Amino acid sequence: MDREIERSAPSVEEAVEAALEELGASEQEVTVEVLQEPRSGFLGVGAQPAIVRVRLRARREDLSEDELEEQGEVAADFLEGLLARMGMSADVDVEIRDGTAYVEIVAEGPDEEDMGLLIGRHGLTLEALQELTRVVVGRRTGARCRVVVDVEDYRGRQRARLVARAREAAQRVARTGREVELEPMNAYERKVVHDTVAEVSGVTSSSRGEEPERRVVIRRRP
């Protein structure tokens, strides 16, 4: 079934960006309908946000269990080779769940410091590993990559912290009406925040700024 969501923000561009992050899609994969153009009003009176409806053009390609296992094996082989060239010792485990191949890198023995190097500051090295793996899997299988790379459950721990922080910020905005701007985040982290904010009544979120300083802004819904 096609997915369709509506988002509001001060500008059409911000509203579309927020919707794309929530859907996990690119502009080429969606159609955008502008339901309401933004208006500044006179001295703030009569101001209105932009509201857009964003719909996935078609249901994303579903992969069979065998295809997901193939992608997981390709990713694991690539990462094991990369780790060997870097002189790092680690186990690479693959688990298939919810239509995705999760590839987990776990330290062997006392090499936890190496795992920190693989994660990097704010997860930037892990994001680079994810992108490299995505390219390799796509080229070798000819299908859209359904692999998520993690190191020592960093994504799981980070997601739990992000969800708690985003929910607390959204509830504060709903209670006080004061806008909250969070710290810069990567695309994965922003999507987690958008998904969490969408579950809190009376608030909305959008993204602001340019990478790597792009961040989520939470506002009370008009």
Protein backbone atom coordinates (compact mmCIF):
# COMPACT_ATOMS: atom_id res chain seq x y z
CA MET A 1 0.00 0.00 0.00
CA ASP A 2 1.27 3.50 -0.82
CA ARG A 3 2.24 5.68 2.12
CA GLU A 4 1.06 9.26 2.33
CA ILE A 5 1.75 11.83 5.04
CA GLU A 6 1.17 15.51 5.64
CA ARG A 7 3.72 17.82 7.24
CA SER A 8 3.71 21.50 8.12
CA ALA A 9 6.67 23.91 8.44
CA PRO A 10 7.46 27.60 7.93
CA SER A 11 8.35 26.92 4.27
CA VAL A 12 7.34 24.39 1.62
CA GLU A 13 10.94 23.20 1.36
CA GLU A 14 11.18 22.47 5.09
CA ALA A 15 7.82 20.68 5.10
CA VAL A 16 8.88 18.47 2.16
CA GLU A 17 12.23 17.73 3.79
CA ALA A 18 10.56 16.67 7.01
CA ALA A 19 8.19 14.38 5.10
CA LEU A 20 11.03 12.81 3.11
CA GLU A 21 12.98 12.09 6.28
CA GLU A 22 9.94 10.49 7.91
CA LEU A 23 9.26 8.35 4.84
CA GLY A 24 12.93 7.57 4.36
CA ALA A 25 12.58 8.45 0.69
CA SER A 26 14.19 10.72 -1.90
CA GLU A 27 12.42 13.39 -3.94
CA GLN A 28 12.49 11.07 -6.95
CA GLU A 29 10.38 8.49 -5.10
CA VAL A 30 7.49 10.76 -4.14
CA THR A 31 4.85 13.14 -5.40
CA VAL A 32 4.34 16.41 -3.51
CA GLU A 33 1.08 18.32 -3.22
CA VAL A 34 1.17 21.75 -1.60
CA LEU A 35 -2.02 22.02 0.48
CA GLN A 36 -1.26 25.46 1.88
CA GLU A 37 1.32 28.08 0.97
CA PRO A 38 3.07 29.82 3.89
CA ARG A 39 1.99 33.35 4.78
CA SER A 40 3.75 35.73 7.15
CA GLY A 41 0.68 37.84 7.92
CA PHE A 42 0.69 41.43 9.09
CA LEU A 43 2.76 41.95 12.25
CA GLY A 44 2.46 38.25 12.84
CA VAL A 45 -1.35 38.27 12.72
CA GLY A 46 -2.85 35.79 10.27
CA ALA A 47 0.43 33.92 9.74
CA GLN A 48 0.13 30.38 8.46
CA PRO A 49 2.66 27.58 7.83
CA ALA A 50 3.21 25.66 4.65
CA ILE A 51 1.39 22.31 4.57
CA VAL A 52 2.31 19.58 2.08
CA ARG A 53 1.05 16.10 1.31
CA VAL A 54 3.84 13.73 0.26
CA ARG A 55 3.05 10.32 -1.19
CA LEU A 56 5.36 7.48 -2.22
CA ARG A 57 4.93 6.85 -5.94
CA ALA A 58 4.81 3.11 -5.45
CA ARG A 59 5.36 0.52 -2.81
CA ARG A 60 9.05 -0.08 -2.31
CA GLU A 61 10.51 -3.25 -3.70
CA ASP A 62 10.09 -6.12 -1.25
CA LEU A 63 12.96 -8.58 -1.09
CA SER A 64 12.58 -12.27 -0.41
CA GLU A 65 14.28 -13.94 2.54
CA ASP A 66 16.89 -15.40 0.18
CA GLU A 67 17.59 -11.98 -1.35
CA LEU A 68 17.96 -10.40 2.07
CA GLU A 69 20.32 -13.18 3.13
CA GLU A 70 22.36 -12.59 -0.02
CA GLN A 71 22.61 -8.88 0.77
CA GLY A 72 23.64 -9.68 4.33
CA GLU A 73 26.33 -12.07 3.14
CA VAL A 74 27.68 -9.53 0.62
CA ALA A 75 27.78 -6.86 3.30
CA ALA A 76 29.43 -9.18 5.83
CA ASP A 77 32.10 -10.29 3.32
CA PHE A 78 32.86 -6.68 2.43
CA LEU A 79 33.08 -5.56 6.06
CA GLU A 80 35.20 -8.56 7.11
CA GLY A 81 37.65 -7.78 4.32
CA LEU A 82 37.72 -4.12 5.26
CA LEU A 83 38.35 -4.90 8.92
CA ALA A 84 41.16 -7.31 8.00
CA ARG A 85 42.88 -4.63 5.91
CA MET A 86 42.55 -2.25 8.86
CA GLY A 87 44.12 -4.81 11.18
CA MET A 88 41.02 -5.05 13.36
CA SER A 89 39.70 -8.26 14.88
CA ALA A 90 35.91 -8.48 15.15
CA ASP A 91 32.94 -10.76 14.55
CA VAL A 92 30.44 -9.79 11.86
CA ASP A 93 26.97 -11.22 12.46
CA VAL A 94 23.92 -11.02 10.18
CA GLU A 95 20.29 -11.10 11.31
CA ILE A 96 17.25 -10.84 9.04
CA ARG A 97 14.19 -9.15 10.54
CA ASP A 98 11.40 -6.83 9.44
CA GLY A 99 12.48 -6.88 5.79
CA THR A 100 16.03 -5.75 6.56
CA ALA A 101 19.43 -7.42 6.90
CA TYR A 102 21.08 -6.15 10.09
CA VAL A 103 24.87 -6.55 10.09
CA GLU A 104 26.43 -6.19 13.53
CA ILE A 105 30.17 -5.73 14.13
CA VAL A 106 31.18 -6.98 17.59
CA ALA A 107 34.65 -6.80 19.16
CA GLU A 108 36.64 -10.01 19.57
CA GLY A 109 38.30 -10.08 22.99
CA PRO A 110 39.65 -6.80 24.40
CA ASP A 111 39.50 -4.74 21.18
CA GLU A 112 36.66 -2.44 22.27
CA GLU A 113 38.76 0.66 21.54
CA ASP A 114 38.85 -0.37 17.87
CA MET A 115 35.06 -0.46 17.89
CA GLY A 116 35.01 3.14 19.07
CA LEU A 117 37.16 4.06 16.08
CA LEU A 118 34.65 2.35 13.79
CA ILE A 119 31.79 4.37 15.29
CA GLY A 120 33.61 7.70 15.24
CA ARG A 121 32.57 11.04 16.68
CA HIS A 122 28.78 11.30 16.70
CA GLY A 123 28.65 8.09 14.63
CA LEU A 124 30.20 9.71 11.53
CA THR A 125 32.58 6.81 10.79
CA LEU A 126 29.71 4.34 11.16
CA GLU A 127 27.68 6.40 8.70
CA ALA A 128 30.58 6.22 6.24
CA LEU A 129 30.71 2.43 6.68
CA GLN A 130 26.95 2.30 6.06
CA GLU A 131 27.29 4.30 2.83
CA LEU A 132 30.21 2.21 1.55
CA THR A 133 28.29 -0.98 2.31
CA ARG A 134 25.19 0.38 0.59
CA VAL A 135 27.16 1.06 -2.59
CA VAL A 136 28.87 -2.35 -2.58
CA VAL A 137 25.65 -4.27 -1.95
CA GLY A 138 23.78 -2.31 -4.61
CA ARG A 139 26.44 -2.93 -7.23
CA ARG A 140 26.81 -6.64 -6.50
CA THR A 141 23.14 -7.54 -6.19
CA GLY A 142 21.54 -4.98 -8.51
CA ALA A 143 18.80 -4.33 -5.94
CA ARG A 144 18.13 -1.53 -3.52
CA CYS A 145 20.20 -2.10 -0.40
CA ARG A 146 18.24 -3.33 2.64
CA VAL A 147 21.26 -3.57 4.93
CA VAL A 148 21.79 -1.68 8.18
CA VAL A 149 25.32 -1.73 9.61
CA ASP A 150 25.84 -1.35 13.36
CA VAL A 151 28.80 -1.56 15.73
CA GLU A 152 28.36 -2.87 19.28
CA ASP A 153 24.63 -1.95 19.16
CA TYR A 154 25.51 1.75 18.80
CA ARG A 155 22.41 2.47 16.72
CA GLY A 156 20.12 0.72 19.18
CA ARG A 157 21.55 2.60 22.16
CA GLN A 158 21.57 5.89 20.26
CA ARG A 159 18.00 5.39 19.10
CA ALA A 160 16.77 4.81 22.66
CA ARG A 161 18.48 8.00 23.85
CA LEU A 162 17.17 10.00 20.88
CA VAL A 163 13.60 8.78 21.37
CA ALA A 164 13.64 9.74 25.05
CA ARG A 165 15.13 13.17 24.36
CA ALA A 166 12.83 13.91 21.42
CA ARG A 167 9.71 12.86 23.33
CA GLU A 168 10.65 15.04 26.31
CA ALA A 169 11.33 18.03 24.02
CA ALA A 170 8.07 17.53 22.10
CA GLN A 171 6.06 17.33 25.31
CA ARG A 172 7.73 20.50 26.56
CA VAL A 173 6.85 22.31 23.33
CA ALA A 174 3.23 21.11 23.59
CA ARG A 175 3.09 22.36 27.16
CA THR A 176 4.84 25.74 26.79
CA GLY A 177 4.36 26.59 23.10
CA ARG A 178 8.04 27.54 22.85
CA GLU A 179 10.01 26.22 19.88
CA VAL A 180 12.90 23.83 20.59
CA GLU A 181 15.87 23.41 18.28
CA LEU A 182 17.91 20.24 18.83
CA GLU A 183 21.62 19.74 18.19
CA PRO A 184 22.92 18.88 14.68
CA MET A 185 22.13 15.30 13.65
CA ASN A 186 22.69 13.01 10.69
CA ALA A 187 19.79 11.89 8.47
CA TYR A 188 19.18 8.66 10.43
CA GLU A 189 18.99 10.51 13.75
CA ARG A 190 16.69 13.19 12.34
CA LYS A 191 14.30 10.53 11.06
CA VAL A 192 14.16 8.95 14.54
CA VAL A 193 13.30 12.36 16.01
CA HIS A 194 10.65 13.10 13.36
CA ASP A 195 9.03 9.70 13.96
CA THR A 196 8.98 10.29 17.73
CA VAL A 197 7.61 13.84 17.48
CA ALA A 198 4.83 12.61 15.16
CA GLU A 199 3.53 10.48 18.04
CA VAL A 200 3.07 13.51 20.33
CA SER A 201 -0.21 15.37 19.90
CA GLY A 202 -0.15 19.08 19.12
CA VAL A 203 3.41 19.43 17.82
CA THR A 204 5.23 19.20 14.51
CA SER A 205 8.87 19.05 13.43
CA SER A 206 11.00 20.14 10.49
CA SER A 207 14.69 20.25 9.61
CA ARG A 208 16.77 23.42 9.40
CA GLY A 209 20.27 24.22 8.16
CA GLU A 210 22.81 22.54 5.91
CA GLU A 211 24.82 19.37 6.51
CA PRO A 212 26.66 18.70 8.76
CA GLU A 213 24.88 21.33 10.90
CA ARG A 214 21.36 20.29 9.92
CA ARG A 215 19.07 19.96 12.94
CA VAL A 216 15.47 19.27 13.90
CA VAL A 217 13.17 22.06 15.09
CA ILE A 218 10.05 21.19 17.11
CA ARG A 219 7.11 23.61 17.17
CA ARG A 220 3.56 23.62 18.46
CA ARG A 221 1.20 22.63 15.64
CA PRO A 222 -0.88 25.60 14.32
